[in-house]
Protein backbone atom coordinates (compact mmCIF):
# COMPACT_ATOMS: atom_id res chain seq x y z
CA MET A 1 97.26 83.85 83.25
CA ARG A 2 100.16 83.08 81.68
CA GLU A 3 103.49 82.58 83.67
CA GLY A 4 106.08 85.06 83.16
CA ARG A 5 103.82 87.51 81.50
CA LEU A 6 104.07 91.52 82.73
CA LEU A 7 101.55 93.01 84.80
CA ALA A 8 100.71 96.73 85.41
CA GLY A 9 99.31 97.84 88.88
CA VAL A 10 98.19 100.94 89.20
CA GLU A 11 97.87 102.52 93.09
CA ALA A 12 96.33 105.33 92.77
CA GLY A 13 96.08 107.81 96.06
CA GLY A 14 94.93 111.07 97.55
CA THR A 15 98.19 112.27 98.07
CA LYS A 16 99.93 109.99 94.85
CA PHE A 17 99.61 107.41 92.23
CA VAL A 18 102.15 104.56 92.77
CA CYS A 19 103.27 102.10 89.37
CA ALA A 20 104.85 99.18 88.45
CA VAL A 21 105.46 97.05 85.87
CA GLY A 22 106.29 93.10 86.30
CA THR A 23 105.01 89.73 87.76
CA GLY A 24 105.53 90.66 91.59
CA PRO A 25 107.32 91.43 94.51
CA ASP A 26 110.88 89.99 93.51
CA ASP A 27 110.22 90.90 89.63
CA LEU A 28 109.08 94.59 89.16
CA ARG A 29 111.02 96.18 85.78
CA ALA A 30 109.70 99.73 85.96
CA GLU A 31 108.63 101.74 88.68
CA ALA A 32 106.93 105.18 89.16
CA ARG A 33 105.39 107.88 91.91
CA ILE A 34 103.13 110.63 90.38
CA PRO A 35 102.24 113.03 92.73
CA THR A 36 98.28 113.03 92.54
CA THR A 37 97.48 117.23 90.77
CA THR A 38 94.40 117.41 88.35
CA PRO A 39 93.12 114.39 87.15
CA GLY A 40 93.88 115.36 83.13
CA GLU A 41 97.70 115.92 84.30
CA THR A 42 97.87 112.40 86.77
CA LEU A 43 96.14 109.96 84.43
CA GLN A 44 98.58 111.61 81.63
CA ALA A 45 101.46 110.75 83.78
CA VAL A 46 100.07 107.50 84.68
CA THR A 47 99.44 106.30 81.36
CA ASP A 48 102.64 108.12 79.98
CA PHE A 49 105.23 106.02 82.38
CA LEU A 50 102.75 102.75 81.54
CA LEU A 51 103.42 103.21 77.80
CA ASP A 52 107.12 103.89 77.89
CA ALA A 53 107.39 100.73 80.59
CA ASP A 54 104.97 98.59 77.25
CA ARG A 55 107.81 99.71 74.90
CA ARG A 56 110.63 99.18 77.04
CA HIS A 57 109.84 96.06 79.11
CA GLY A 58 107.67 93.91 76.45
CA PRO A 59 104.42 94.50 76.07
CA ILE A 60 102.16 94.51 79.59
CA ALA A 61 99.44 91.92 79.24
CA ALA A 62 96.87 93.33 81.75
CA LEU A 63 96.26 96.59 83.68
CA GLY A 64 95.10 96.45 87.75
CA VAL A 65 94.13 99.37 89.25
CA ALA A 66 93.93 99.57 93.37
CA CYS A 67 91.86 103.44 93.34
CA PHE A 68 91.23 105.58 96.40
CA GLY A 69 87.56 106.34 96.72
CA PRO A 70 84.96 106.63 96.99
CA VAL A 71 84.47 104.47 93.82
CA ASP A 72 81.99 102.11 91.95
CA PRO A 73 83.99 98.74 92.11
CA ASP A 74 80.88 96.52 89.92
CA PRO A 75 81.84 95.66 87.12
CA ALA A 76 77.99 95.91 85.74
CA SER A 77 77.75 98.89 86.99
CA PRO A 78 77.50 101.41 83.77
CA GLY A 79 79.99 103.97 87.10
CA TYR A 80 82.21 101.24 87.32
CA GLY A 81 85.85 102.20 87.57
CA ARG A 82 84.73 106.06 88.13
CA ILE A 83 85.32 108.35 91.34
CA ALA A 84 82.16 108.60 93.20
CA ALA A 85 81.70 112.34 94.72
CA THR A 86 85.18 112.69 97.29
CA PRO A 87 86.65 115.67 98.91
CA LYS A 88 89.66 115.29 96.79
CA ALA A 89 88.71 118.40 95.21
CA GLY A 90 88.31 117.75 91.08
CA TRP A 91 88.64 114.01 91.42
CA SER A 92 84.40 113.70 92.00
CA GLY A 93 82.95 111.42 88.86
CA THR A 94 86.43 110.86 87.41
CA ASP A 95 86.95 107.34 85.54
CA VAL A 96 89.93 106.30 86.30
CA LEU A 97 89.84 103.03 84.96
CA GLY A 98 88.45 104.05 81.16
CA LEU A 99 90.93 106.70 80.83
CA LEU A 100 94.15 104.42 81.72
CA ARG A 101 92.44 101.77 79.64
CA GLY A 102 91.21 103.86 76.99
CA ARG A 103 95.38 104.47 76.19
CA LEU A 104 96.83 101.32 77.16
CA ASP A 105 94.10 98.98 75.24
CA VAL A 106 94.59 95.34 77.73
CA PRO A 107 92.71 94.00 80.10
CA ALA A 108 92.07 95.86 83.12
CA ALA A 109 90.46 95.03 86.56
CA PHE A 110 89.47 97.37 89.29
CA ASP A 111 89.06 98.18 93.03
CA THR A 112 89.55 100.04 95.84
CA ASP A 113 93.01 101.08 97.22
CA VAL A 114 92.38 98.71 100.39
CA ASN A 115 90.73 96.00 98.70
CA GLY A 116 94.02 96.31 96.38
CA ALA A 117 96.25 96.38 99.36
CA ALA A 118 94.63 93.10 100.80
CA LEU A 119 94.71 91.57 97.53
CA GLY A 120 98.17 91.93 98.12
CA GLU A 121 99.16 90.47 100.96
CA GLN A 122 96.80 87.39 100.53
CA THR A 123 98.66 87.10 97.66
CA TRP A 124 102.52 87.54 98.69
CA GLY A 125 102.10 88.64 102.36
CA ALA A 126 100.80 88.60 105.86
CA ALA A 127 97.63 86.95 105.28
CA MET A 128 98.79 84.40 102.62
CA GLY A 129 96.47 81.08 102.92
CA LEU A 130 93.74 82.57 104.66
CA HIS A 131 90.28 83.26 102.95
CA THR A 132 88.68 86.02 105.88
CA PHE A 133 90.71 88.76 106.82
CA ALA A 134 90.66 92.82 107.23
CA TYR A 135 92.97 95.30 105.98
CA LEU A 136 92.69 98.38 107.74
CA THR A 137 94.85 101.53 106.47
CA VAL A 138 95.17 104.68 108.32
CA GLY A 139 97.16 107.71 107.57
CA THR A 140 95.11 110.67 105.15
CA GLY A 141 92.45 108.87 105.44
CA ILE A 142 91.47 105.62 107.29
CA GLY A 143 90.38 102.96 104.37
CA GLY A 144 89.12 99.01 105.24
CA GLY A 145 88.99 96.50 102.65
CA GLY A 146 89.75 92.58 102.55
CA MET A 147 88.33 88.92 101.68
CA ALA A 148 85.15 86.90 103.23
CA GLY A 149 85.40 83.40 102.17
CA GLY A 150 88.26 83.73 100.03
CA ARG A 151 86.78 86.51 97.98
CA LEU A 152 87.16 90.56 97.92
CA LEU A 153 85.01 92.24 100.14
CA HIS A 154 81.89 94.32 98.13
CA GLY A 155 78.09 94.45 98.86
CA LEU A 156 75.96 97.31 97.90
CA VAL A 157 79.14 98.99 96.89
CA HIS A 158 82.36 98.69 99.31
CA PRO A 159 83.07 98.53 102.98
CA GLU A 160 83.62 101.78 104.41
CA MET A 161 85.03 100.94 107.57
CA GLY A 162 87.10 104.00 107.92
CA HIS A 163 83.09 106.03 108.86
CA LEU A 164 82.52 103.67 111.23
CA PRO A 165 81.45 105.69 114.85
CA VAL A 166 82.86 104.92 117.80
CA ARG A 167 82.72 106.45 120.61
CA ARG A 168 84.23 109.40 122.12
CA ASP A 169 84.15 110.88 125.40
CA PRO A 170 83.96 114.88 125.43
CA VAL A 171 85.76 114.96 128.52
CA ARG A 172 88.35 113.38 127.68
CA ASP A 173 88.70 114.38 123.78
CA PRO A 174 86.72 117.38 123.60
CA PHE A 175 87.72 117.76 119.16
CA PRO A 176 84.71 117.03 117.42
CA GLY A 177 86.49 115.55 114.58
CA CYS A 178 86.94 116.74 111.06
CA CYS A 179 85.58 114.37 108.59
CA PRO A 180 83.16 116.17 106.62
CA PHE A 181 79.66 113.79 106.25
CA HIS A 182 79.86 112.80 109.97
CA GLY A 183 82.64 114.47 112.36
CA ASP A 184 83.34 112.11 114.67
CA CYS A 185 83.63 108.78 113.00
CA LEU A 186 86.97 106.99 113.08
CA GLU A 187 88.35 108.78 109.89
CA GLY A 188 87.19 111.70 111.45
CA LEU A 189 88.97 111.27 115.18
CA ALA A 190 92.34 109.24 114.28
CA SER A 191 93.50 109.46 110.63
CA GLY A 192 96.53 111.86 110.33
CA PRO A 193 94.31 114.93 109.49
CA ALA A 194 92.75 114.31 113.05
CA ILE A 195 95.47 113.65 114.87
CA GLU A 196 96.83 117.42 112.97
CA ALA A 197 94.02 119.30 113.62
CA ARG A 198 93.25 117.83 117.29
CA TRP A 199 97.05 118.70 118.54
CA GLY A 200 98.28 121.63 116.44
CA ARG A 201 101.09 118.97 114.74
CA PRO A 202 101.16 116.69 111.83
CA ALA A 203 101.84 112.84 113.88
CA ARG A 204 105.79 112.73 113.12
CA GLU A 205 106.21 115.44 115.64
CA LEU A 206 104.04 114.16 118.46
CA ALA A 207 106.60 110.90 118.90
CA ASP A 208 107.19 111.70 122.17
CA ARG A 209 103.30 112.54 123.34
CA PRO A 210 102.38 109.29 125.01
CA GLU A 211 98.70 111.24 125.79
CA VAL A 212 98.29 111.41 121.37
CA TRP A 213 98.99 107.20 121.15
CA ASP A 214 96.96 106.04 124.01
CA LEU A 215 93.92 108.37 122.41
CA GLU A 216 94.73 107.32 119.04
CA ALA A 217 95.16 103.47 119.89
CA GLY A 218 91.91 103.45 121.74
CA TYR A 219 90.33 104.35 118.78
CA LEU A 220 92.16 102.06 116.53
CA GLY A 221 91.68 99.79 119.31
CA ASP A 222 87.34 99.91 119.09
CA ALA A 223 86.90 99.61 115.70
CA VAL A 224 89.18 96.28 115.15
CA ALA A 225 87.07 94.95 117.92
CA THR A 226 84.47 95.90 116.41
CA ILE A 227 85.80 94.64 112.52
CA ALA A 228 86.27 91.65 114.58
CA LEU A 229 82.89 91.15 115.80
CA VAL A 230 80.83 91.77 112.89
CA LEU A 231 83.00 89.43 110.24
CA SER A 232 85.15 86.83 112.36
CA PRO A 233 88.34 87.85 110.77
CA GLN A 234 91.00 85.45 110.71
CA LEU A 235 93.58 87.89 110.95
CA VAL A 236 93.31 92.04 110.79
CA VAL A 237 95.93 93.67 109.04
CA LEU A 238 97.09 97.78 110.21
CA GLY A 239 98.81 98.91 107.66
CA GLY A 240 99.70 103.20 106.27
CA GLY A 241 101.96 105.50 107.51
CA VAL A 242 100.35 106.49 111.05
CA MET A 243 100.68 102.97 112.16
CA ASP A 244 104.82 103.67 111.74
CA GLN A 245 104.51 105.48 115.56
CA PRO A 246 106.59 103.02 117.39
CA GLY A 247 104.17 100.71 120.10
CA LEU A 248 101.07 101.74 118.70
CA VAL A 249 99.93 98.14 116.83
CA ASP A 250 100.97 97.10 120.25
CA ALA A 251 98.59 99.79 122.43
CA VAL A 252 96.32 98.74 119.63
CA ARG A 253 96.04 95.13 120.41
CA VAL A 254 95.49 95.70 124.30
CA ARG A 255 92.48 97.91 123.37
CA VAL A 256 91.08 95.10 121.01
CA ALA A 257 91.65 92.39 124.41
CA ALA A 258 90.08 95.05 126.46
CA ARG A 259 87.17 95.32 124.45
CA LEU A 260 86.76 91.62 123.03
CA ALA A 261 86.90 90.77 126.48
CA GLY A 262 87.50 86.77 125.94
CA TYR A 263 84.01 86.90 124.51
CA VAL A 264 85.53 85.37 121.36
CA ARG A 265 87.64 82.42 121.70
CA HIS A 266 90.33 80.96 119.56
CA PRO A 267 94.15 80.62 119.49
CA ARG A 268 94.41 83.27 117.37
CA LEU A 269 93.18 85.42 120.06
CA ALA A 270 95.42 84.34 123.14
CA GLY A 271 98.43 85.89 124.21
CA ASP A 272 99.38 89.33 123.09
CA LEU A 273 97.30 89.04 119.88
CA SER A 274 100.60 89.26 117.92
CA GLY A 275 99.26 86.33 116.12
CA PHE A 276 95.75 88.89 115.30
CA VAL A 277 96.55 91.97 115.04
CA VAL A 278 99.66 92.32 112.58
CA ARG A 279 101.13 95.03 110.28
CA PRO A 280 101.09 94.41 106.30
CA ALA A 281 104.29 92.16 105.33
CA LEU A 282 104.44 93.87 101.79
CA GLY A 283 104.95 97.27 103.85
CA PRO A 284 104.10 100.17 102.01
CA ARG A 285 104.28 98.33 98.81
CA ALA A 286 100.89 96.11 99.69
CA GLY A 287 98.80 98.69 97.65
CA VAL A 288 100.77 99.17 94.55
CA LEU A 289 101.77 95.19 94.34
CA GLY A 290 97.51 94.37 95.67
CA ALA A 291 97.07 96.29 91.72
CA LEU A 292 99.62 94.15 89.80
CA ALA A 293 97.62 91.01 91.96
CA LEU A 294 94.71 92.71 90.40
CA ALA A 295 95.86 92.70 86.99
CA ALA A 296 96.20 89.33 86.81
CA THR A 297 92.61 88.64 87.50
CA ALA A 298 92.02 90.30 84.69
CA ALA A 299 94.60 88.72 82.39
């Protein structure tokens, strides 16, 4: 892409769509947050924002969309850019990329929201200079993505790290999980809705309950250790609103170290794992900035 050309990024989430136009984190010309309602209403508001930014700030060269899923991320597939079967009411089958690209008429790239956030962290954040790492977001759902050998993770479809099976002790945790597909997978046990369903209050109101966060750190630490053993990442980035709980990332590190039990040896895994399990350097903007980085791949 020629330096200085404007990019448009859309982080399409189940709660809100975050949109930005600019060239990078230090040059954002326009931003918007649009509630996720119906596909027609939401995508109309997004395209209105993008067309207005195009008029106000100059021509947009390319569009990147980092979308909640499951999605079809294969450019060779007839379903590329569509949301597959999703619990989000009314959104299954929505051609997110097609509807946005049809109005803006520019080159476009599409991927999962977590792969987008991973690309943002690799371009401008905590994973700069790395070629193999994982990004796990813990919020309304749990999703995972990242890179292997410098390429965003894709395969048959895309990673579904949020649905990893984790060990649940039914005596300690009788909550059966809330995932409509798997019950007590990682998302079913450790997402924001799982915390609220188990304890009867949202996570933000449970900050002073150590038993909540000890259980949460256990599930997340087990998942990160599994990812570490399967992918051998140089780094694991933990994003999402649930991770804002003070002390949670430290507790996850302790659990990861216990699960790995010294078997995998590397300087990054020495000490308290603060160089291996980290928070996003881009904070809550990782997703929309990752969408801008996706746009750069299409320009």
